C-alpha atoms as a PDB file:
ATOM      1  CA  MET A   1       0.000   0.000   0.000  1.00  0.00           C
ATOM      2  CA  ARG A   2       2.808   2.369   0.814  1.00  0.00           C
ATOM      3  CA  THR A   3       4.113   2.071  -2.723  1.00  0.00           C
ATOM      4  CA  LEU A   4       0.705   2.991  -4.050  1.00  0.00           C
ATOM      5  CA  PHE A   5       0.666   6.134  -1.964  1.00  0.00           C
ATOM      6  CA  LEU A   6       4.183   7.040  -2.804  1.00  0.00           C
ATOM      7  CA  CYS A   7       3.305   7.044  -6.428  1.00  0.00           C
ATOM      8  CA  LEU A   8       0.338   9.259  -5.693  1.00  0.00           C
ATOM      9  CA  ALA A   9       2.529  11.717  -3.924  1.00  0.00           C
ATOM     10  CA  MET A  10       5.080  11.877  -6.633  1.00  0.00           C
ATOM     11  CA  ALA A  11       2.780  12.304  -9.533  1.00  0.00           C
ATOM     12  CA  THR A  12       3.128   9.108 -11.415  1.00  0.00           C
ATOM     13  CA  VAL A  13       3.362   5.413 -10.854  1.00  0.00           C
ATOM     14  CA  THR A  14       2.181   2.037 -11.849  1.00  0.00           C
ATOM     15  CA  ALA A  15       2.333  -1.553 -10.783  1.00  0.00           C
ATOM     16  CA  PRO A  16       4.466  -3.471 -10.483  1.00  0.00           C
ATOM     17  CA  LEU A  17       6.991  -0.857  -9.392  1.00  0.00           C
ATOM     18  CA  GLN A  18      10.742  -1.145  -9.330  1.00  0.00           C
ATOM     19  CA  ALA A  19      13.233   1.173  -7.651  1.00  0.00           C
ATOM     20  CA  GLN A  20      13.912   4.312  -9.677  1.00  0.00           C
ATOM     21  CA  ASP A  21      11.257   3.770 -12.329  1.00  0.00           C
ATOM     22  CA  ALA A  22      10.907   6.871 -14.486  1.00  0.00           C
ATOM     23  CA  TYR A  23       7.567   8.303 -15.578  1.00  0.00           C
ATOM     24  CA  ASP A  24       7.037  11.126 -18.018  1.00  0.00           C
ATOM     25  CA  LEU A  25       4.153  13.546 -17.783  1.00  0.00           C
ATOM     26  CA  ASP A  26       2.008  13.416 -20.904  1.00  0.00           C
ATOM     27  CA  PRO A  27       1.847  17.032 -22.148  1.00  0.00           C
ATOM     28  CA  ALA A  28      -1.297  16.342 -24.169  1.00  0.00           C
ATOM     29  CA  HIS A  29      -3.174  15.120 -21.087  1.00  0.00           C
ATOM     30  CA  THR A  30      -1.688  17.229 -18.310  1.00  0.00           C
ATOM     31  CA  GLN A  31      -3.512  20.490 -17.588  1.00  0.00           C
ATOM     32  CA  VAL A  32      -2.134  23.301 -15.447  1.00  0.00           C
ATOM     33  CA  VAL A  33      -4.898  25.721 -14.438  1.00  0.00           C
ATOM     34  CA  PHE A  34      -4.695  28.820 -12.259  1.00  0.00           C
ATOM     35  CA  SER A  35      -7.153  31.388 -10.929  1.00  0.00           C
ATOM     36  CA  VAL A  36      -6.813  34.968  -9.713  1.00  0.00           C
ATOM     37  CA  ASP A  37      -9.216  37.635  -8.481  1.00  0.00           C
ATOM     38  CA  ARG A  38      -9.767  40.561 -10.876  1.00  0.00           C
ATOM     39  CA  PHE A  39     -10.738  43.809  -9.145  1.00  0.00           C
ATOM     40  CA  GLY A  40     -13.044  41.939  -6.765  1.00  0.00           C
ATOM     41  CA  PHE A  41     -15.621  41.559  -9.543  1.00  0.00           C
ATOM     42  CA  THR A  42     -14.658  38.213 -11.035  1.00  0.00           C
ATOM     43  CA  THR A  43     -12.214  35.355 -10.812  1.00  0.00           C
ATOM     44  CA  ILE A  44     -10.158  34.873 -13.952  1.00  0.00           C
ATOM     45  CA  PHE A  45      -9.086  31.354 -14.922  1.00  0.00           C
ATOM     46  CA  GLY A  46      -6.099  30.612 -17.074  1.00  0.00           C
ATOM     47  CA  SER A  47      -3.922  27.698 -18.063  1.00  0.00           C
ATOM     48  CA  PHE A  48      -0.545  26.869 -19.483  1.00  0.00           C
ATOM     49  CA  MET A  49      -0.818  24.949 -22.724  1.00  0.00           C
ATOM     50  CA  THR A  50       2.708  23.482 -22.635  1.00  0.00           C
ATOM     51  CA  ALA A  51       3.791  21.456 -19.600  1.00  0.00           C
ATOM     52  CA  GLY A  52       6.010  18.473 -18.919  1.00  0.00           C
ATOM     53  CA  GLY A  53       8.117  16.747 -16.342  1.00  0.00           C
ATOM     54  CA  THR A  54       9.646  13.577 -14.981  1.00  0.00           C
ATOM     55  CA  ILE A  55       8.934  11.513 -11.904  1.00  0.00           C
ATOM     56  CA  LEU A  56      11.513   9.102 -10.490  1.00  0.00           C
ATOM     57  CA  LEU A  57       9.820   6.615  -8.191  1.00  0.00           C
ATOM     58  CA  ASP A  58      11.679   4.574  -5.623  1.00  0.00           C
ATOM     59  CA  SER A  59       9.312   1.765  -4.626  1.00  0.00           C
ATOM     60  CA  GLU A  60      11.459   0.520  -1.753  1.00  0.00           C
ATOM     61  CA  THR A  61      12.151   3.907  -0.194  1.00  0.00           C
ATOM     62  CA  PRO A  62       9.375   6.265  -1.300  1.00  0.00           C
ATOM     63  CA  GLU A  63      11.011   9.217   0.431  1.00  0.00           C
ATOM     64  CA  ASN A  64      13.794   9.000  -2.151  1.00  0.00           C
ATOM     65  CA  SER A  65      11.377   9.571  -5.037  1.00  0.00           C
ATOM     66  CA  SER A  66      11.373  12.895  -6.829  1.00  0.00           C
ATOM     67  CA  VAL A  67       9.519  14.978  -9.379  1.00  0.00           C
ATOM     68  CA  THR A  68      10.568  17.815 -11.637  1.00  0.00           C
ATOM     69  CA  ALA A  69       8.021  19.683 -13.732  1.00  0.00           C
ATOM     70  CA  HIS A  70       7.817  22.778 -15.884  1.00  0.00           C
ATOM     71  CA  VAL A  71       5.442  24.962 -17.849  1.00  0.00           C
ATOM     72  CA  ASP A  72       6.338  27.322 -20.684  1.00  0.00           C
ATOM     73  CA  THR A  73       5.271  30.813 -19.626  1.00  0.00           C
ATOM     74  CA  ALA A  74       4.643  31.939 -23.205  1.00  0.00           C
ATOM     75  CA  SER A  75       1.976  29.218 -23.480  1.00  0.00           C
ATOM     76  CA  VAL A  76      -0.324  31.036 -21.042  1.00  0.00           C
ATOM     77  CA  PHE A  77      -3.954  31.001 -22.197  1.00  0.00           C
ATOM     78  CA  LEU A  78      -6.758  33.063 -20.658  1.00  0.00           C
ATOM     79  CA  GLY A  79      -9.297  32.903 -23.482  1.00  0.00           C
ATOM     80  CA  ASN A  80      -8.515  36.353 -24.902  1.00  0.00           C
ATOM     81  CA  ALA A  81      -5.564  37.006 -27.218  1.00  0.00           C
ATOM     82  CA  THR A  82      -4.964  40.545 -25.944  1.00  0.00           C
ATOM     83  CA  ARG A  83      -5.008  39.434 -22.320  1.00  0.00           C
ATOM     84  CA  ASP A  84      -2.777  36.437 -23.148  1.00  0.00           C
ATOM     85  CA  GLN A  85      -0.138  38.796 -24.588  1.00  0.00           C
ATOM     86  CA  HIS A  86      -0.480  41.156 -21.627  1.00  0.00           C
ATOM     87  CA  VAL A  87      -0.063  38.393 -19.017  1.00  0.00           C
ATOM     88  CA  ALA A  88       2.898  36.867 -20.900  1.00  0.00           C
ATOM     89  CA  GLY A  89       4.441  40.354 -21.114  1.00  0.00           C
ATOM     90  CA  GLN A  90       7.025  42.065 -18.946  1.00  0.00           C
ATOM     91  CA  PHE A  91       4.660  43.336 -16.236  1.00  0.00           C
ATOM     92  CA  TRP A  92       3.291  39.903 -15.366  1.00  0.00           C
ATOM     93  CA  LEU A  93       5.012  36.633 -16.362  1.00  0.00           C
ATOM     94  CA  ASP A  94       7.766  38.290 -18.409  1.00  0.00           C
ATOM     95  CA  ALA A  95       8.017  35.207 -20.615  1.00  0.00           C
ATOM     96  CA  ASP A  96      10.968  36.560 -22.597  1.00  0.00           C
ATOM     97  CA  ALA A  97      13.126  36.799 -19.462  1.00  0.00           C
ATOM     98  CA  ASN A  98      11.520  33.805 -17.711  1.00  0.00           C
ATOM     99  CA  PRO A  99      10.632  31.212 -20.358  1.00  0.00           C
ATOM    100  CA  GLN A 100       9.714  28.500 -17.834  1.00  0.00           C
ATOM    101  CA  LEU A 101       8.181  28.081 -14.414  1.00  0.00           C
ATOM    102  CA  THR A 102       9.699  25.043 -12.719  1.00  0.00           C
ATOM    103  CA  PHE A 103       9.020  22.824  -9.723  1.00  0.00           C
ATOM    104  CA  GLU A 104      11.487  20.423  -8.116  1.00  0.00           C
ATOM    105  CA  SER A 105      10.328  18.322  -5.177  1.00  0.00           C
ATOM    106  CA  SER A 106      12.235  18.025  -1.924  1.00  0.00           C
ATOM    107  CA  SER A 107       9.903  15.875   0.223  1.00  0.00           C
ATOM    108  CA  VAL A 108       6.785  13.734   0.178  1.00  0.00           C
ATOM    109  CA  ALA A 109       4.503  13.256   3.196  1.00  0.00           C
ATOM    110  CA  MET A 110       1.626  10.787   3.002  1.00  0.00           C
ATOM    111  CA  THR A 111      -1.663  12.142   4.367  1.00  0.00           C
ATOM    112  CA  GLY A 112      -3.992   9.224   3.578  1.00  0.00           C
ATOM    113  CA  GLU A 113      -4.355   6.060   1.540  1.00  0.00           C
ATOM    114  CA  ALA A 114      -4.471   7.970  -1.727  1.00  0.00           C
ATOM    115  CA  SER A 115      -3.242  11.417  -0.749  1.00  0.00           C
ATOM    116  CA  ALA A 116      -0.002  13.190   0.050  1.00  0.00           C
ATOM    117  CA  GLN A 117       1.646  16.550   0.376  1.00  0.00           C
ATOM    118  CA  VAL A 118       4.572  17.205  -1.940  1.00  0.00           C
ATOM    119  CA  THR A 119       6.900  20.056  -1.050  1.00  0.00           C
ATOM    120  CA  GLY A 120       9.527  21.558  -3.319  1.00  0.00           C
ATOM    121  CA  GLN A 121      11.039  24.613  -4.914  1.00  0.00           C
ATOM    122  CA  LEU A 122       8.821  26.575  -7.295  1.00  0.00           C
ATOM    123  CA  THR A 123      10.840  28.942  -9.466  1.00  0.00           C
ATOM    124  CA  LEU A 124       9.026  32.021 -10.783  1.00  0.00           C
ATOM    125  CA  TRP A 125      10.496  35.276 -12.038  1.00  0.00           C
ATOM    126  CA  GLY A 126      13.956  33.791 -11.578  1.00  0.00           C
ATOM    127  CA  GLU A 127      13.501  33.176  -7.838  1.00  0.00           C
ATOM    128  CA  SER A 128      12.770  29.939  -5.971  1.00  0.00           C
ATOM    129  CA  ARG A 129      10.473  29.496  -2.972  1.00  0.00           C
ATOM    130  CA  ASP A 130       9.204  26.442  -1.077  1.00  0.00           C
ATOM    131  CA  VAL A 131       5.655  25.441  -1.980  1.00  0.00           C
ATOM    132  CA  THR A 132       3.544  22.492  -0.797  1.00  0.00           C
ATOM    133  CA  PHE A 133       0.878  20.915  -2.997  1.00  0.00           C
ATOM    134  CA  ASP A 134      -1.894  18.503  -2.029  1.00  0.00           C
ATOM    135  CA  VAL A 135      -1.838  15.453  -4.303  1.00  0.00           C
ATOM    136  CA  MET A 136      -4.624  12.917  -4.830  1.00  0.00           C
ATOM    137  CA  LEU A 137      -4.129   9.672  -6.725  1.00  0.00           C
ATOM    138  CA  ASN A 138      -7.033   9.259  -9.138  1.00  0.00           C
ATOM    139  CA  GLN A 139      -6.211   5.975 -10.835  1.00  0.00           C
ATOM    140  CA  MET A 140      -3.333   3.820 -11.918  1.00  0.00           C
ATOM    141  CA  GLY A 141      -3.134   0.996 -14.432  1.00  0.00           C
ATOM    142  CA  VAL A 142      -3.044   0.497 -18.174  1.00  0.00           C
ATOM    143  CA  ASP A 143      -4.046   3.562 -20.201  1.00  0.00           C
ATOM    144  CA  PRO A 144      -6.688   2.281 -22.663  1.00  0.00           C
ATOM    145  CA  ALA A 145      -5.542   4.695 -25.369  1.00  0.00           C
ATOM    146  CA  THR A 146      -1.832   3.887 -25.281  1.00  0.00           C
ATOM    147  CA  GLN A 147      -1.797   0.431 -23.659  1.00  0.00           C
ATOM    148  CA  ARG A 148       1.008   1.734 -21.437  1.00  0.00           C
ATOM    149  CA  GLN A 149       1.184   1.786 -17.660  1.00  0.00           C
ATOM    150  CA  ALA A 150      -0.173   5.133 -16.483  1.00  0.00           C
ATOM    151  CA  VAL A 151      -1.209   7.064 -13.424  1.00  0.00           C
ATOM    152  CA  GLY A 152      -3.384  10.116 -12.944  1.00  0.00           C
ATOM    153  CA  PHE A 153      -3.298  12.720 -10.198  1.00  0.00           C
ATOM    154  CA  THR A 154      -5.145  15.832  -9.110  1.00  0.00           C
ATOM    155  CA  ILE A 155      -2.795  18.399  -7.579  1.00  0.00           C
ATOM    156  CA  THR A 156      -4.039  21.514  -5.790  1.00  0.00           C
ATOM    157  CA  GLY A 157      -2.564  24.410  -3.900  1.00  0.00           C
ATOM    158  CA  SER A 158      -2.027  28.137  -3.951  1.00  0.00           C
ATOM    159  CA  ILE A 159       0.785  30.648  -3.943  1.00  0.00           C
ATOM    160  CA  ASN A 160       1.017  34.333  -3.104  1.00  0.00           C
ATOM    161  CA  ARG A 161       2.844  36.155  -5.874  1.00  0.00           C
ATOM    162  CA  THR A 162       4.102  38.811  -3.459  1.00  0.00           C
ATOM    163  CA  ASP A 163       6.261  36.093  -1.860  1.00  0.00           C
ATOM    164  CA  TRP A 164       8.316  36.347  -5.055  1.00  0.00           C
ATOM    165  CA  GLY A 165       8.328  40.150  -4.873  1.00  0.00           C
ATOM    166  CA  HIS A 166       5.720  40.483  -7.632  1.00  0.00           C
ATOM    167  CA  GLU A 167       3.702  43.602  -6.779  1.00  0.00           C
ATOM    168  CA  THR A 168       2.143  44.566 -10.134  1.00  0.00           C
ATOM    169  CA  ALA A 169      -1.353  45.960  -9.464  1.00  0.00           C
ATOM    170  CA  ALA A 170      -1.300  44.267  -6.043  1.00  0.00           C
ATOM    171  CA  ALA A 171      -3.976  46.615  -4.687  1.00  0.00           C
ATOM    172  CA  ILE A 172      -6.518  45.631  -7.334  1.00  0.00           C
ATOM    173  CA  VAL A 173      -5.542  42.241  -8.771  1.00  0.00           C
ATOM    174  CA  GLY A 174      -5.405  39.344  -6.344  1.00  0.00           C
ATOM    175  CA  SER A 175      -2.057  38.302  -4.931  1.00  0.00           C
ATOM    176  CA  GLU A 176      -3.185  34.757  -4.151  1.00  0.00           C
ATOM    177  CA  ILE A 177      -3.148  32.432  -7.138  1.00  0.00           C
ATOM    178  CA  GLY A 178      -5.057  29.163  -6.963  1.00  0.00           C
ATOM    179  CA  ILE A 179      -3.496  26.212  -8.761  1.00  0.00           C
ATOM    180  CA  ARG A 180      -5.007  22.950  -9.986  1.00  0.00           C
ATOM    181  CA  ILE A 181      -3.134  20.404 -12.061  1.00  0.00           C
ATOM    182  CA  GLU A 182      -4.592  17.312 -13.670  1.00  0.00           C
ATOM    183  CA  ALA A 183      -1.520  15.197 -14.380  1.00  0.00           C
ATOM    184  CA  LEU A 184      -1.185  12.026 -16.429  1.00  0.00           C
ATOM    185  CA  GLY A 185       2.100  10.133 -16.473  1.00  0.00           C
ATOM    186  CA  HIS A 186       3.279   7.164 -18.499  1.00  0.00           C
ATOM    187  CA  LEU A 187       6.009   4.714 -17.587  1.00  0.00           C
ATOM    188  CA  ARG A 188       9.059   5.618 -19.637  1.00  0.00           C
ATOM    189  CA  GLU A 189       9.771   3.066 -22.337  1.00  0.00           C
ATOM    190  CA  GLU A 190      13.269   1.618 -22.448  1.00  0.00           C
ATOM    191  CA  GLU A 191      15.284   2.572 -25.497  1.00  0.00           C
END
């Protein structure tokens, strides 16, 4: 059971597991969504259309497992081309100077049979801060579309952009950013 939960915490697994199995996030089926308050009138939802990452799972010592993930900042999508360009621009994400947001785990703590908290360094605007995400294992097994071992997770959490020193329009646009990630990983095929 512990192995099952480990995989949940990390973001990808499948049975049977072997030490240091590698799983790759499927960019076509991994969605990174965020939300932010706009002037107190509405909540704006956005997503990053390009994401990826790798999970190394250690089935014998789950605490030694790790995950690295990234999104391309220029792939931000908010449903309006003008707003997309504005948010990717220098006053918000500054995608030219910061082409990727990255996460690298440092610890996994199981919180239930199919849940965990994963803590790591989130790098935004060229600076890294510790962030903890809640992770729920949805399902693991053979992906019917690919016939490969797969695992799916729901990952939730929030960050405060001012922790990174980002103060743009802080008095009128929310500082807290909600995050939800639906992640699908496939066992890496040997070459």
